[in-house]
Amino acid sequence: MSSLHFRFKNNILAKNNKLMNTETEKRSLLLEMIAFSTVDGHLHKREYDFLWLVAQELGIDLAVFHDLFHQEHSTQIIKSEFQRIQQFYRLALIMYCDGILHEKEAKAIQQIAIEMGLNPNATKRVLDLMKNAPNAIIDPTVLLKVFQEQHN
């Protein structure tokens, strides 16, 4: 857990929560992440640990965090493109954190990205960069640049 904790703590894009305004937004973010982390039918310990790190960054206490695993997820629209990119990146980190890339996860993240209104070419490129990067971590400026290039 220590290397996961270090990587998360040092990745400003993955943990930046200053744009989250309400408790509802924070819970919705975690509910989406929980739903995605179990798309392969299992919640691996590393995925749980990552989710708990995100919950702590968002100021969610342990009791509320555990309760989220028993709630149904309803999609909340993320208005800011930056927040959508940030959420996509968090989901991609979950996808890679257990060391096993499941076909269901790969399909689900592409569908989620489309539903978020993110450019499919940019999301594919980001996922390819993560696949080839050590520990699936990519520099936040590179991540944002990939999405900005698609605007031109």
N, C-alpha and C. Protein backbone atom coordinates (compact mmCIF):
# COMPACT_ATOMS: atom_id res chain seq x y z
N MET A 1 0.82 -1.20 0.00
CA MET A 1 0.00 0.00 0.00
C MET A 1 0.85 1.25 0.00
N SER A 2 2.04 1.19 0.56
CA SER A 2 2.84 2.39 0.69
C SER A 2 3.20 2.99 -0.67
N SER A 3 3.56 2.17 -1.67
CA SER A 3 3.90 2.74 -2.98
C SER A 3 2.65 3.31 -3.66
N LEU A 4 1.50 2.67 -3.50
CA LEU A 4 0.25 3.20 -4.04
C LEU A 4 -0.06 4.53 -3.37
N HIS A 5 0.08 4.57 -2.05
CA HIS A 5 -0.18 5.79 -1.29
C HIS A 5 0.75 6.91 -1.76
N PHE A 6 2.03 6.60 -1.94
CA PHE A 6 2.99 7.59 -2.39
C PHE A 6 2.64 8.10 -3.78
N ARG A 7 2.33 7.19 -4.70
CA ARG A 7 2.00 7.60 -6.07
C ARG A 7 0.76 8.48 -6.09
N PHE A 8 -0.26 8.12 -5.31
CA PHE A 8 -1.48 8.91 -5.29
C PHE A 8 -1.23 10.28 -4.68
N LYS A 9 -0.56 10.31 -3.55
CA LYS A 9 -0.30 11.56 -2.84
C LYS A 9 0.51 12.54 -3.68
N ASN A 10 1.33 12.03 -4.58
CA ASN A 10 2.19 12.88 -5.38
C ASN A 10 1.63 13.16 -6.76
N ASN A 11 0.40 12.78 -7.02
CA ASN A 11 -0.21 13.03 -8.32
C ASN A 11 -1.35 14.01 -8.12
N ILE A 12 -1.07 15.27 -8.34
CA ILE A 12 -2.02 16.34 -8.05
C ILE A 12 -3.33 16.18 -8.82
N LEU A 13 -3.27 15.69 -10.03
CA LEU A 13 -4.50 15.55 -10.81
C LEU A 13 -5.40 14.47 -10.23
N ALA A 14 -4.83 13.41 -9.75
CA ALA A 14 -5.63 12.31 -9.21
C ALA A 14 -6.31 12.70 -7.91
N LYS A 15 -5.69 13.58 -7.13
CA LYS A 15 -6.25 13.84 -5.80
C LYS A 15 -6.86 15.22 -5.64
N ASN A 16 -6.74 16.10 -6.60
CA ASN A 16 -7.24 17.46 -6.45
C ASN A 16 -8.75 17.46 -6.25
N ASN A 17 -9.18 17.91 -5.08
CA ASN A 17 -10.62 17.91 -4.79
C ASN A 17 -11.15 19.32 -4.57
N LYS A 18 -10.36 20.32 -4.82
CA LYS A 18 -10.77 21.69 -4.57
C LYS A 18 -11.94 22.12 -5.45
N LEU A 19 -12.13 21.44 -6.57
CA LEU A 19 -13.23 21.80 -7.46
C LEU A 19 -14.55 21.14 -7.07
N MET A 20 -14.50 20.22 -6.12
CA MET A 20 -15.71 19.55 -5.66
C MET A 20 -16.42 20.47 -4.68
N ASN A 21 -17.65 20.80 -4.97
CA ASN A 21 -18.34 21.78 -4.15
C ASN A 21 -19.17 21.17 -3.04
N THR A 22 -19.79 20.06 -3.30
CA THR A 22 -20.77 19.56 -2.32
C THR A 22 -20.44 18.13 -1.90
N GLU A 23 -21.01 17.78 -0.78
CA GLU A 23 -20.89 16.40 -0.29
C GLU A 23 -21.51 15.43 -1.30
N THR A 24 -22.59 15.85 -1.93
CA THR A 24 -23.25 15.01 -2.93
C THR A 24 -22.32 14.72 -4.09
N GLU A 25 -21.59 15.72 -4.57
CA GLU A 25 -20.64 15.52 -5.66
C GLU A 25 -19.54 14.55 -5.26
N LYS A 26 -19.05 14.70 -4.04
CA LYS A 26 -17.98 13.83 -3.56
C LYS A 26 -18.47 12.39 -3.45
N ARG A 27 -19.67 12.21 -2.92
CA ARG A 27 -20.23 10.85 -2.80
C ARG A 27 -20.49 10.25 -4.17
N SER A 28 -20.99 11.05 -5.10
CA SER A 28 -21.25 10.57 -6.45
C SER A 28 -19.96 10.11 -7.12
N LEU A 29 -18.90 10.88 -6.94
CA LEU A 29 -17.60 10.51 -7.48
C LEU A 29 -17.18 9.15 -6.93
N LEU A 30 -17.26 8.98 -5.63
CA LEU A 30 -16.86 7.70 -5.02
C LEU A 30 -17.78 6.56 -5.43
N LEU A 31 -19.08 6.83 -5.52
CA LEU A 31 -20.01 5.78 -5.96
C LEU A 31 -19.67 5.30 -7.36
N GLU A 32 -19.33 6.23 -8.24
CA GLU A 32 -18.95 5.86 -9.61
C GLU A 32 -17.68 5.02 -9.59
N MET A 33 -16.73 5.43 -8.77
CA MET A 33 -15.47 4.70 -8.68
C MET A 33 -15.68 3.30 -8.09
N ILE A 34 -16.54 3.19 -7.10
CA ILE A 34 -16.84 1.88 -6.50
C ILE A 34 -17.50 0.98 -7.53
N ALA A 35 -18.48 1.52 -8.25
CA ALA A 35 -19.17 0.73 -9.28
C ALA A 35 -18.18 0.25 -10.34
N PHE A 36 -17.28 1.14 -10.76
CA PHE A 36 -16.30 0.76 -11.77
C PHE A 36 -15.32 -0.28 -11.25
N SER A 37 -14.92 -0.15 -9.99
CA SER A 37 -13.91 -1.06 -9.44
C SER A 37 -14.43 -2.49 -9.32
N THR A 38 -15.73 -2.66 -9.34
CA THR A 38 -16.30 -4.01 -9.22
C THR A 38 -16.86 -4.53 -10.53
N VAL A 39 -16.59 -3.84 -11.65
CA VAL A 39 -17.14 -4.25 -12.94
C VAL A 39 -16.62 -5.64 -13.35
N ASP A 40 -15.45 -6.02 -12.84
CA ASP A 40 -14.91 -7.35 -13.16
C ASP A 40 -15.43 -8.42 -12.21
N GLY A 41 -16.32 -8.04 -11.30
CA GLY A 41 -16.91 -9.00 -10.36
C GLY A 41 -16.17 -9.14 -9.05
N HIS A 42 -15.06 -8.43 -8.90
CA HIS A 42 -14.26 -8.52 -7.69
C HIS A 42 -13.81 -7.13 -7.26
N LEU A 43 -13.71 -6.94 -5.96
CA LEU A 43 -13.08 -5.74 -5.42
C LEU A 43 -11.77 -6.20 -4.79
N HIS A 44 -10.68 -5.91 -5.47
CA HIS A 44 -9.36 -6.31 -4.99
C HIS A 44 -8.92 -5.38 -3.87
N LYS A 45 -8.07 -5.86 -2.99
CA LYS A 45 -7.59 -5.07 -1.86
C LYS A 45 -6.93 -3.77 -2.34
N ARG A 46 -6.15 -3.83 -3.38
CA ARG A 46 -5.49 -2.62 -3.87
C ARG A 46 -6.51 -1.61 -4.39
N GLU A 47 -7.59 -2.09 -4.99
CA GLU A 47 -8.65 -1.19 -5.43
C GLU A 47 -9.33 -0.55 -4.23
N TYR A 48 -9.63 -1.37 -3.21
CA TYR A 48 -10.24 -0.85 -1.99
C TYR A 48 -9.32 0.21 -1.36
N ASP A 49 -8.04 -0.09 -1.26
CA ASP A 49 -7.08 0.84 -0.67
C ASP A 49 -7.05 2.16 -1.44
N PHE A 50 -7.08 2.06 -2.77
CA PHE A 50 -7.08 3.27 -3.59
C PHE A 50 -8.36 4.07 -3.36
N LEU A 51 -9.49 3.40 -3.33
CA LEU A 51 -10.76 4.08 -3.07
C LEU A 51 -10.74 4.79 -1.72
N TRP A 52 -10.16 4.14 -0.72
CA TRP A 52 -10.10 4.73 0.61
C TRP A 52 -9.20 5.97 0.60
N LEU A 53 -8.10 5.93 -0.16
CA LEU A 53 -7.24 7.11 -0.29
C LEU A 53 -8.01 8.28 -0.90
N VAL A 54 -8.77 8.00 -1.94
CA VAL A 54 -9.58 9.05 -2.57
C VAL A 54 -10.60 9.58 -1.58
N ALA A 55 -11.26 8.69 -0.85
CA ALA A 55 -12.26 9.11 0.14
C ALA A 55 -11.63 10.03 1.18
N GLN A 56 -10.45 9.68 1.64
CA GLN A 56 -9.77 10.52 2.62
C GLN A 56 -9.45 11.89 2.05
N GLU A 57 -8.98 11.93 0.80
CA GLU A 57 -8.69 13.21 0.15
C GLU A 57 -9.95 14.07 0.02
N LEU A 58 -11.08 13.42 -0.14
CA LEU A 58 -12.35 14.14 -0.27
C LEU A 58 -12.98 14.48 1.07
N GLY A 59 -12.35 14.03 2.16
CA GLY A 59 -12.88 14.33 3.49
C GLY A 59 -14.04 13.44 3.89
N ILE A 60 -14.13 12.26 3.32
CA ILE A 60 -15.19 11.31 3.65
C ILE A 60 -14.69 10.39 4.76
N ASP A 61 -15.47 10.28 5.84
CA ASP A 61 -15.02 9.43 6.94
C ASP A 61 -15.29 7.96 6.65
N LEU A 62 -14.67 7.09 7.44
CA LEU A 62 -14.70 5.65 7.19
C LEU A 62 -16.11 5.08 7.19
N ALA A 63 -16.97 5.51 8.12
CA ALA A 63 -18.34 4.98 8.19
C ALA A 63 -19.12 5.33 6.93
N VAL A 64 -19.01 6.56 6.47
CA VAL A 64 -19.70 6.97 5.24
C VAL A 64 -19.12 6.21 4.05
N PHE A 65 -17.80 6.07 4.02
CA PHE A 65 -17.14 5.33 2.94
C PHE A 65 -17.68 3.90 2.86
N HIS A 66 -17.74 3.21 3.97
CA HIS A 66 -18.24 1.83 3.97
C HIS A 66 -19.71 1.79 3.56
N ASP A 67 -20.48 2.77 3.97
CA ASP A 67 -21.90 2.82 3.61
C ASP A 67 -22.09 2.96 2.09
N LEU A 68 -21.16 3.64 1.43
CA LEU A 68 -21.26 3.84 -0.02
C LEU A 68 -21.27 2.52 -0.79
N PHE A 69 -20.64 1.49 -0.22
CA PHE A 69 -20.61 0.19 -0.89
C PHE A 69 -21.99 -0.48 -0.92
N HIS A 70 -22.93 0.06 -0.16
CA HIS A 70 -24.28 -0.51 -0.09
C HIS A 70 -25.31 0.40 -0.73
N GLN A 71 -24.85 1.43 -1.43
CA GLN A 71 -25.76 2.36 -2.08
C GLN A 71 -25.74 2.16 -3.59
N GLU A 72 -26.84 2.49 -4.20
CA GLU A 72 -26.94 2.40 -5.65
C GLU A 72 -26.37 3.67 -6.26
N HIS A 73 -25.66 3.51 -7.33
CA HIS A 73 -25.04 4.66 -7.99
C HIS A 73 -25.99 5.24 -9.03
N SER A 74 -26.20 6.55 -8.94
CA SER A 74 -26.94 7.25 -9.99
C SER A 74 -25.99 8.30 -10.56
N THR A 75 -25.91 8.34 -11.86
CA THR A 75 -24.96 9.20 -12.53
C THR A 75 -25.30 10.66 -12.31
N GLN A 76 -24.29 11.41 -11.92
CA GLN A 76 -24.42 12.86 -11.78
C GLN A 76 -23.53 13.49 -12.84
N ILE A 77 -24.05 14.45 -13.56
CA ILE A 77 -23.31 15.10 -14.63
C ILE A 77 -22.21 15.97 -14.03
N ILE A 78 -20.99 15.77 -14.52
CA ILE A 78 -19.86 16.59 -14.11
C ILE A 78 -19.74 17.71 -15.13
N LYS A 79 -19.90 18.95 -14.69
CA LYS A 79 -19.98 20.07 -15.62
C LYS A 79 -18.64 20.47 -16.20
N SER A 80 -17.62 20.53 -15.40
CA SER A 80 -16.31 21.00 -15.83
C SER A 80 -15.57 19.92 -16.61
N GLU A 81 -14.99 20.30 -17.75
CA GLU A 81 -14.21 19.33 -18.52
C GLU A 81 -13.01 18.85 -17.71
N PHE A 82 -12.38 19.75 -16.98
CA PHE A 82 -11.24 19.37 -16.16
C PHE A 82 -11.65 18.30 -15.15
N GLN A 83 -12.80 18.47 -14.51
CA GLN A 83 -13.27 17.48 -13.54
C GLN A 83 -13.58 16.14 -14.21
N ARG A 84 -14.12 16.18 -15.44
CA ARG A 84 -14.39 14.93 -16.16
C ARG A 84 -13.09 14.21 -16.51
N ILE A 85 -12.07 14.97 -16.93
CA ILE A 85 -10.77 14.37 -17.21
C ILE A 85 -10.17 13.79 -15.93
N GLN A 86 -10.29 14.53 -14.86
CA GLN A 86 -9.78 14.08 -13.56
C GLN A 86 -10.46 12.79 -13.13
N GLN A 87 -11.78 12.72 -13.28
CA GLN A 87 -12.51 11.52 -12.89
C GLN A 87 -12.14 10.34 -13.80
N PHE A 88 -12.02 10.60 -15.09
CA PHE A 88 -11.60 9.55 -16.02
C PHE A 88 -10.24 9.00 -15.59
N TYR A 89 -9.32 9.86 -15.25
CA TYR A 89 -7.98 9.44 -14.84
C TYR A 89 -8.04 8.62 -13.55
N ARG A 90 -8.85 9.03 -12.61
CA ARG A 90 -9.01 8.25 -11.37
C ARG A 90 -9.54 6.85 -11.68
N LEU A 91 -10.52 6.78 -12.55
CA LEU A 91 -11.08 5.48 -12.93
C LEU A 91 -10.01 4.62 -13.62
N ALA A 92 -9.22 5.25 -14.47
CA ALA A 92 -8.16 4.51 -15.15
C ALA A 92 -7.13 4.00 -14.15
N LEU A 93 -6.82 4.79 -13.14
CA LEU A 93 -5.89 4.34 -12.10
C LEU A 93 -6.44 3.13 -11.37
N ILE A 94 -7.75 3.14 -11.09
CA ILE A 94 -8.36 1.97 -10.45
C ILE A 94 -8.23 0.76 -11.34
N MET A 95 -8.44 0.96 -12.64
CA MET A 95 -8.39 -0.13 -13.59
C MET A 95 -7.02 -0.81 -13.57
N TYR A 96 -5.97 -0.03 -13.39
CA TYR A 96 -4.62 -0.57 -13.42
C TYR A 96 -4.07 -0.94 -12.04
N CYS A 97 -4.70 -0.50 -10.95
CA CYS A 97 -4.06 -0.66 -9.64
C CYS A 97 -4.00 -2.10 -9.15
N ASP A 98 -4.87 -2.97 -9.63
CA ASP A 98 -4.79 -4.37 -9.16
C ASP A 98 -3.83 -5.21 -10.00
N GLY A 99 -3.24 -4.59 -11.02
CA GLY A 99 -2.27 -5.30 -11.85
C GLY A 99 -2.89 -6.22 -12.88
N ILE A 100 -4.22 -6.24 -12.96
CA ILE A 100 -4.92 -7.11 -13.90
C ILE A 100 -5.87 -6.25 -14.72
N LEU A 101 -5.70 -6.26 -16.03
CA LEU A 101 -6.58 -5.49 -16.90
C LEU A 101 -7.63 -6.43 -17.47
N HIS A 102 -8.87 -6.28 -17.01
CA HIS A 102 -9.97 -7.13 -17.47
C HIS A 102 -10.63 -6.49 -18.70
N GLU A 103 -11.10 -7.34 -19.58
CA GLU A 103 -11.78 -6.86 -20.78
C GLU A 103 -13.01 -6.02 -20.42
N LYS A 104 -13.74 -6.45 -19.38
CA LYS A 104 -14.92 -5.69 -18.94
C LYS A 104 -14.54 -4.28 -18.49
N GLU A 105 -13.39 -4.17 -17.82
CA GLU A 105 -12.93 -2.85 -17.38
C GLU A 105 -12.59 -1.97 -18.57
N ALA A 106 -11.89 -2.53 -19.53
CA ALA A 106 -11.49 -1.76 -20.72
C ALA A 106 -12.72 -1.25 -21.48
N LYS A 107 -13.72 -2.10 -21.63
CA LYS A 107 -14.95 -1.69 -22.32
C LYS A 107 -15.72 -0.67 -21.50
N ALA A 108 -15.81 -0.91 -20.19
CA ALA A 108 -16.57 -0.02 -19.31
C ALA A 108 -15.97 1.38 -19.28
N ILE A 109 -14.65 1.47 -19.21
CA ILE A 109 -14.04 2.81 -19.11
C ILE A 109 -14.22 3.59 -20.41
N GLN A 110 -14.21 2.90 -21.54
CA GLN A 110 -14.46 3.58 -22.82
C GLN A 110 -15.90 4.11 -22.86
N GLN A 111 -16.84 3.31 -22.39
CA GLN A 111 -18.24 3.74 -22.36
C GLN A 111 -18.45 4.90 -21.40
N ILE A 112 -17.83 4.83 -20.25
CA ILE A 112 -17.94 5.91 -19.27
C ILE A 112 -17.37 7.20 -19.85
N ALA A 113 -16.23 7.11 -20.52
CA ALA A 113 -15.62 8.29 -21.12
C ALA A 113 -16.52 8.92 -22.16
N ILE A 114 -17.18 8.09 -22.96
CA ILE A 114 -18.12 8.60 -23.97
C ILE A 114 -19.29 9.30 -23.28
N GLU A 115 -19.82 8.67 -22.23
CA GLU A 115 -20.94 9.26 -21.49
C GLU A 115 -20.54 10.57 -20.82
N MET A 116 -19.26 10.70 -20.47
CA MET A 116 -18.75 11.95 -19.88
C MET A 116 -18.56 13.03 -20.93
N GLY A 117 -18.62 12.64 -22.19
CA GLY A 117 -18.41 13.60 -23.27
C GLY A 117 -16.95 13.85 -23.58
N LEU A 118 -16.09 12.91 -23.18
CA LEU A 118 -14.67 13.04 -23.47
C LEU A 118 -14.37 12.47 -24.85
N ASN A 119 -13.38 13.03 -25.49
CA ASN A 119 -13.00 12.61 -26.83
C ASN A 119 -12.48 11.17 -26.79
N PRO A 120 -13.08 10.25 -27.56
CA PRO A 120 -12.65 8.85 -27.56
C PRO A 120 -11.20 8.65 -27.99
N ASN A 121 -10.71 9.47 -28.93
CA ASN A 121 -9.32 9.34 -29.35
C ASN A 121 -8.37 9.73 -28.21
N ALA A 122 -8.72 10.78 -27.49
CA ALA A 122 -7.89 11.22 -26.37
C ALA A 122 -7.90 10.18 -25.25
N THR A 123 -9.06 9.62 -24.95
CA THR A 123 -9.13 8.63 -23.88
C THR A 123 -8.35 7.38 -24.25
N LYS A 124 -8.44 6.97 -25.51
CA LYS A 124 -7.66 5.80 -25.95
C LYS A 124 -6.17 6.07 -25.84
N ARG A 125 -5.76 7.26 -26.24
CA ARG A 125 -4.34 7.62 -26.17
C ARG A 125 -3.86 7.64 -24.71
N VAL A 126 -4.66 8.19 -23.81
CA VAL A 126 -4.30 8.22 -22.39
C VAL A 126 -4.17 6.80 -21.85
N LEU A 127 -5.12 5.95 -22.18
CA LEU A 127 -5.06 4.57 -21.71
C LEU A 127 -3.82 3.85 -22.25
N ASP A 128 -3.45 4.13 -23.51
CA ASP A 128 -2.24 3.54 -24.07
C ASP A 128 -0.99 4.04 -23.35
N LEU A 129 -0.96 5.35 -23.04
CA LEU A 129 0.17 5.91 -22.30
C LEU A 129 0.28 5.27 -20.91
N MET A 130 -0.86 5.08 -20.27
CA MET A 130 -0.86 4.48 -18.93
C MET A 130 -0.41 3.02 -18.99
N LYS A 131 -0.84 2.33 -20.03
CA LYS A 131 -0.48 0.92 -20.19
C LYS A 131 1.04 0.75 -20.31
N ASN A 132 1.67 1.72 -20.96
CA ASN A 132 3.11 1.64 -21.20
C ASN A 132 3.95 2.34 -20.14
N ALA A 133 3.31 3.01 -19.20
CA ALA A 133 4.04 3.75 -18.16
C ALA A 133 4.30 2.86 -16.95
N PRO A 134 5.40 3.10 -16.26
CA PRO A 134 5.62 2.36 -15.02
C PRO A 134 4.52 2.71 -14.02
N ASN A 135 3.92 1.72 -13.44
CA ASN A 135 2.85 1.91 -12.44
C ASN A 135 1.62 2.63 -12.99
N ALA A 136 1.48 2.73 -14.30
CA ALA A 136 0.32 3.35 -14.96
C ALA A 136 0.17 4.84 -14.67
N ILE A 137 1.17 5.45 -14.10
CA ILE A 137 1.10 6.88 -13.77
C ILE A 137 1.67 7.68 -14.92
N ILE A 138 0.91 8.71 -15.33
CA ILE A 138 1.43 9.63 -16.34
C ILE A 138 1.40 11.03 -15.75
N ASP A 139 2.28 11.86 -16.25
CA ASP A 139 2.39 13.23 -15.76
C ASP A 139 1.09 13.98 -16.04
N PRO A 140 0.58 14.72 -15.06
CA PRO A 140 -0.68 15.45 -15.26
C PRO A 140 -0.64 16.42 -16.43
N THR A 141 0.50 17.04 -16.69
CA THR A 141 0.58 17.96 -17.82
C THR A 141 0.45 17.22 -19.14
N VAL A 142 1.01 16.01 -19.21
CA VAL A 142 0.88 15.18 -20.41
C VAL A 142 -0.58 14.79 -20.61
N LEU A 143 -1.23 14.39 -19.53
CA LEU A 143 -2.64 14.00 -19.59
C LEU A 143 -3.49 15.15 -20.13
N LEU A 144 -3.33 16.32 -19.56
CA LEU A 144 -4.12 17.46 -20.01
C LEU A 144 -3.78 17.85 -21.44
N LYS A 145 -2.52 17.73 -21.82
CA LYS A 145 -2.10 18.06 -23.18
C LYS A 145 -2.78 17.16 -24.20
N VAL A 146 -2.91 15.88 -23.88
CA VAL A 146 -3.57 14.95 -24.79
C VAL A 146 -5.00 15.40 -25.08
N PHE A 147 -5.71 15.82 -24.05
CA PHE A 147 -7.09 16.27 -24.25
C PHE A 147 -7.13 17.63 -24.95
N GLN A 148 -6.19 18.51 -24.65
CA GLN A 148 -6.16 19.83 -25.30
C GLN A 148 -5.87 19.71 -26.78
N GLU A 149 -5.01 18.75 -27.17
CA GLU A 149 -4.69 18.56 -28.57
C GLU A 149 -5.93 18.21 -29.38
N GLN A 150 -6.87 17.55 -28.76
CA GLN A 150 -8.08 17.14 -29.46
C GLN A 150 -9.01 18.32 -29.76
N HIS A 151 -8.78 19.44 -29.07
CA HIS A 151 -9.60 20.63 -29.31
C HIS A 151 -9.16 21.38 -30.57
N ASN A 152 -7.95 21.13 -31.01
CA ASN A 152 -7.42 21.85 -32.18
C ASN A 152 -7.82 21.20 -33.49
